[in-house]
Amino acid sequence: MLVKHIVKQGLLLKNAGALSRAAYHGGHGPHSTMNDLPVPAGDWKEQHSQKNAKYNAALITGILVLAGTIGFVKSSGIIHFNYYAPKSLD
Protein backbone atom coordinates (compact mmCIF):
# COMPACT_ATOMS: atom_id res chain seq x y z
CA MET A 1 0.00 0.00 0.00
CA LEU A 2 2.78 2.40 0.94
CA VAL A 3 4.78 1.47 -2.16
CA LYS A 4 1.79 2.16 -4.41
CA HIS A 5 1.34 5.56 -2.78
CA ILE A 6 5.01 6.45 -3.24
CA VAL A 7 4.95 5.40 -6.89
CA LYS A 8 1.62 7.12 -7.52
CA GLN A 9 2.73 10.44 -6.03
CA GLY A 10 6.08 10.32 -7.81
CA LEU A 11 7.98 10.91 -4.57
CA LEU A 12 10.95 8.89 -5.75
CA LEU A 13 11.45 11.09 -8.80
CA LYS A 14 10.99 14.31 -6.83
CA ASN A 15 13.59 13.30 -4.22
CA ALA A 16 16.09 11.86 -6.70
CA GLY A 17 17.29 15.34 -7.67
CA ALA A 18 17.90 16.31 -4.06
CA LEU A 19 20.13 13.28 -3.57
CA SER A 20 22.32 14.03 -6.56
CA ARG A 21 25.93 14.94 -5.99
CA ALA A 22 25.65 18.50 -7.25
CA ALA A 23 22.68 19.29 -5.03
CA TYR A 24 24.36 17.72 -2.02
CA HIS A 25 27.55 19.76 -2.34
CA GLY A 26 25.77 22.94 -3.30
CA GLY A 27 27.27 23.03 -6.80
CA HIS A 28 29.24 26.21 -6.09
CA GLY A 29 32.41 27.33 -4.38
CA PRO A 30 36.05 27.67 -5.32
CA HIS A 31 37.67 24.91 -7.30
CA SER A 32 40.81 23.23 -5.99
CA THR A 33 44.06 23.95 -7.76
CA MET A 34 47.63 22.71 -7.47
CA ASN A 35 48.39 25.73 -5.26
CA ASP A 36 46.06 24.33 -2.57
CA LEU A 37 48.24 21.23 -2.07
CA PRO A 38 50.64 21.14 0.89
CA VAL A 39 54.26 22.02 0.17
CA PRO A 40 56.94 19.66 1.54
CA ALA A 41 59.28 21.28 4.03
CA GLY A 42 62.20 20.12 6.14
CA ASP A 43 64.64 17.28 5.81
CA TRP A 44 62.85 14.20 4.47
CA LYS A 45 65.52 11.82 5.75
CA GLU A 46 65.15 13.02 9.34
CA GLN A 47 61.36 12.77 9.22
CA HIS A 48 61.57 9.35 7.61
CA SER A 49 63.94 8.04 10.28
CA GLN A 50 61.69 9.37 13.08
CA LYS A 51 58.60 7.73 11.59
CA ASN A 52 60.52 4.53 10.92
CA ALA A 53 61.76 4.39 14.53
CA LYS A 54 58.17 4.76 15.77
CA TYR A 55 56.93 2.03 13.41
CA ASN A 56 59.77 -0.31 14.42
CA ALA A 57 58.94 0.24 18.10
CA ALA A 58 55.30 -0.65 17.41
CA LEU A 59 56.40 -3.77 15.49
CA ILE A 60 58.72 -4.96 18.26
CA THR A 61 56.03 -4.31 20.88
CA GLY A 62 53.55 -6.35 18.89
CA ILE A 63 55.97 -9.24 18.47
CA LEU A 64 56.77 -9.23 22.22
CA VAL A 65 53.07 -9.20 23.14
CA LEU A 66 52.41 -12.09 20.74
CA ALA A 67 55.32 -14.11 22.16
CA GLY A 68 54.19 -13.37 25.72
CA THR A 69 50.64 -14.43 24.93
CA ILE A 70 51.76 -17.69 23.33
CA GLY A 71 54.10 -18.38 26.26
CA PHE A 72 51.34 -17.72 28.80
CA VAL A 73 48.85 -19.94 26.98
CA LYS A 74 51.41 -22.75 26.67
CA SER A 75 52.46 -22.59 30.33
CA SER A 76 48.89 -22.39 31.65
CA GLY A 77 47.76 -25.44 29.69
CA ILE A 78 44.72 -23.69 28.20
CA ILE A 79 45.63 -24.87 24.71
CA HIS A 80 47.47 -28.02 23.68
CA PHE A 81 49.54 -27.33 20.57
CA ASN A 82 49.56 -30.97 19.33
CA TYR A 83 53.26 -31.20 18.55
CA TYR A 84 53.02 -34.96 18.05
CA ALA A 85 50.42 -37.31 16.64
CA PRO A 86 47.96 -38.52 19.29
CA LYS A 87 48.74 -41.86 20.93
CA SER A 88 46.46 -44.79 20.33
CA LEU A 89 43.81 -45.38 22.97
CA ASP A 90 44.37 -49.18 22.78
C-alpha atoms as a PDB file:
ATOM      1  CA  MET A   1       0.000   0.000   0.000  1.00  0.00           C
ATOM      2  CA  LEU A   2       2.783   2.403   0.940  1.00  0.00           C
ATOM      3  CA  VAL A   3       4.782   1.473  -2.155  1.00  0.00           C
ATOM      4  CA  LYS A   4       1.787   2.158  -4.406  1.00  0.00           C
ATOM      5  CA  HIS A   5       1.337   5.560  -2.780  1.00  0.00           C
ATOM      6  CA  ILE A   6       5.013   6.447  -3.238  1.00  0.00           C
ATOM      7  CA  VAL A   7       4.951   5.405  -6.895  1.00  0.00           C
ATOM      8  CA  LYS A   8       1.619   7.120  -7.517  1.00  0.00           C
ATOM      9  CA  GLN A   9       2.725  10.437  -6.027  1.00  0.00           C
ATOM     10  CA  GLY A  10       6.081  10.319  -7.811  1.00  0.00           C
ATOM     11  CA  LEU A  11       7.980  10.909  -4.570  1.00  0.00           C
ATOM     12  CA  LEU A  12      10.952   8.889  -5.751  1.00  0.00           C
ATOM     13  CA  LEU A  13      11.448  11.092  -8.798  1.00  0.00           C
ATOM     14  CA  LYS A  14      10.993  14.307  -6.831  1.00  0.00           C
ATOM     15  CA  ASN A  15      13.585  13.304  -4.224  1.00  0.00           C
ATOM     16  CA  ALA A  16      16.093  11.864  -6.701  1.00  0.00           C
ATOM     17  CA  GLY A  17      17.293  15.340  -7.671  1.00  0.00           C
ATOM     18  CA  ALA A  18      17.905  16.308  -4.056  1.00  0.00           C
ATOM     19  CA  LEU A  19      20.133  13.279  -3.568  1.00  0.00           C
ATOM     20  CA  SER A  20      22.319  14.029  -6.558  1.00  0.00           C
ATOM     21  CA  ARG A  21      25.929  14.945  -5.986  1.00  0.00           C
ATOM     22  CA  ALA A  22      25.652  18.501  -7.250  1.00  0.00           C
ATOM     23  CA  ALA A  23      22.678  19.288  -5.025  1.00  0.00           C
ATOM     24  CA  TYR A  24      24.363  17.716  -2.017  1.00  0.00           C
ATOM     25  CA  HIS A  25      27.545  19.757  -2.336  1.00  0.00           C
ATOM     26  CA  GLY A  26      25.770  22.941  -3.304  1.00  0.00           C
ATOM     27  CA  GLY A  27      27.270  23.032  -6.799  1.00  0.00           C
ATOM     28  CA  HIS A  28      29.235  26.209  -6.088  1.00  0.00           C
ATOM     29  CA  GLY A  29      32.407  27.326  -4.377  1.00  0.00           C
ATOM     30  CA  PRO A  30      36.049  27.673  -5.316  1.00  0.00           C
ATOM     31  CA  HIS A  31      37.671  24.913  -7.301  1.00  0.00           C
ATOM     32  CA  SER A  32      40.809  23.231  -5.986  1.00  0.00           C
ATOM     33  CA  THR A  33      44.063  23.950  -7.756  1.00  0.00           C
ATOM     34  CA  MET A  34      47.632  22.710  -7.467  1.00  0.00           C
ATOM     35  CA  ASN A  35      48.389  25.734  -5.263  1.00  0.00           C
ATOM     36  CA  ASP A  36      46.061  24.326  -2.574  1.00  0.00           C
ATOM     37  CA  LEU A  37      48.242  21.234  -2.067  1.00  0.00           C
ATOM     38  CA  PRO A  38      50.641  21.140   0.895  1.00  0.00           C
ATOM     39  CA  VAL A  39      54.259  22.019   0.169  1.00  0.00           C
ATOM     40  CA  PRO A  40      56.938  19.664   1.536  1.00  0.00           C
ATOM     41  CA  ALA A  41      59.279  21.282   4.031  1.00  0.00           C
ATOM     42  CA  GLY A  42      62.198  20.121   6.140  1.00  0.00           C
ATOM     43  CA  ASP A  43      64.644  17.279   5.805  1.00  0.00           C
ATOM     44  CA  TRP A  44      62.850  14.196   4.470  1.00  0.00           C
ATOM     45  CA  LYS A  45      65.518  11.815   5.745  1.00  0.00           C
ATOM     46  CA  GLU A  46      65.153  13.022   9.337  1.00  0.00           C
ATOM     47  CA  GLN A  47      61.356  12.771   9.219  1.00  0.00           C
ATOM     48  CA  HIS A  48      61.566   9.347   7.611  1.00  0.00           C
ATOM     49  CA  SER A  49      63.941   8.039  10.280  1.00  0.00           C
ATOM     50  CA  GLN A  50      61.694   9.373  13.079  1.00  0.00           C
ATOM     51  CA  LYS A  51      58.603   7.727  11.593  1.00  0.00           C
ATOM     52  CA  ASN A  52      60.521   4.527  10.916  1.00  0.00           C
ATOM     53  CA  ALA A  53      61.755   4.392  14.533  1.00  0.00           C
ATOM     54  CA  LYS A  54      58.167   4.760  15.766  1.00  0.00           C
ATOM     55  CA  TYR A  55      56.927   2.029  13.410  1.00  0.00           C
ATOM     56  CA  ASN A  56      59.770  -0.309  14.421  1.00  0.00           C
ATOM     57  CA  ALA A  57      58.941   0.237  18.104  1.00  0.00           C
ATOM     58  CA  ALA A  58      55.295  -0.650  17.411  1.00  0.00           C
ATOM     59  CA  LEU A  59      56.397  -3.766  15.487  1.00  0.00           C
ATOM     60  CA  ILE A  60      58.725  -4.957  18.258  1.00  0.00           C
ATOM     61  CA  THR A  61      56.035  -4.308  20.878  1.00  0.00           C
ATOM     62  CA  GLY A  62      53.550  -6.353  18.888  1.00  0.00           C
ATOM     63  CA  ILE A  63      55.972  -9.242  18.475  1.00  0.00           C
ATOM     64  CA  LEU A  64      56.770  -9.234  22.218  1.00  0.00           C
ATOM     65  CA  VAL A  65      53.075  -9.196  23.136  1.00  0.00           C
ATOM     66  CA  LEU A  66      52.408 -12.090  20.737  1.00  0.00           C
ATOM     67  CA  ALA A  67      55.319 -14.112  22.156  1.00  0.00           C
ATOM     68  CA  GLY A  68      54.190 -13.374  25.724  1.00  0.00           C
ATOM     69  CA  THR A  69      50.641 -14.428  24.933  1.00  0.00           C
ATOM     70  CA  ILE A  70      51.760 -17.690  23.328  1.00  0.00           C
ATOM     71  CA  GLY A  71      54.101 -18.383  26.256  1.00  0.00           C
ATOM     72  CA  PHE A  72      51.342 -17.722  28.797  1.00  0.00           C
ATOM     73  CA  VAL A  73      48.849 -19.943  26.978  1.00  0.00           C
ATOM     74  CA  LYS A  74      51.412 -22.751  26.670  1.00  0.00           C
ATOM     75  CA  SER A  75      52.457 -22.590  30.330  1.00  0.00           C
ATOM     76  CA  SER A  76      48.894 -22.389  31.650  1.00  0.00           C
ATOM     77  CA  GLY A  77      47.757 -25.440  29.689  1.00  0.00           C
ATOM     78  CA  ILE A  78      44.720 -23.690  28.196  1.00  0.00           C
ATOM     79  CA  ILE A  79      45.628 -24.874  24.711  1.00  0.00           C
ATOM     80  CA  HIS A  80      47.475 -28.016  23.677  1.00  0.00           C
ATOM     81  CA  PHE A  81      49.538 -27.325  20.571  1.00  0.00           C
ATOM     82  CA  ASN A  82      49.562 -30.969  19.333  1.00  0.00           C
ATOM     83  CA  TYR A  83      53.260 -31.197  18.548  1.00  0.00           C
ATOM     84  CA  TYR A  84      53.017 -34.961  18.054  1.00  0.00           C
ATOM     85  CA  ALA A  85      50.424 -37.306  16.637  1.00  0.00           C
ATOM     86  CA  PRO A  86      47.957 -38.517  19.294  1.00  0.00           C
ATOM     87  CA  LYS A  87      48.743 -41.856  20.932  1.00  0.00           C
ATOM     88  CA  SER A  88      46.463 -44.789  20.332  1.00  0.00           C
ATOM     89  CA  LEU A  89      43.811 -45.378  22.972  1.00  0.00           C
ATOM     90  CA  ASP A  90      44.373 -49.177  22.781  1.00  0.00           C
END
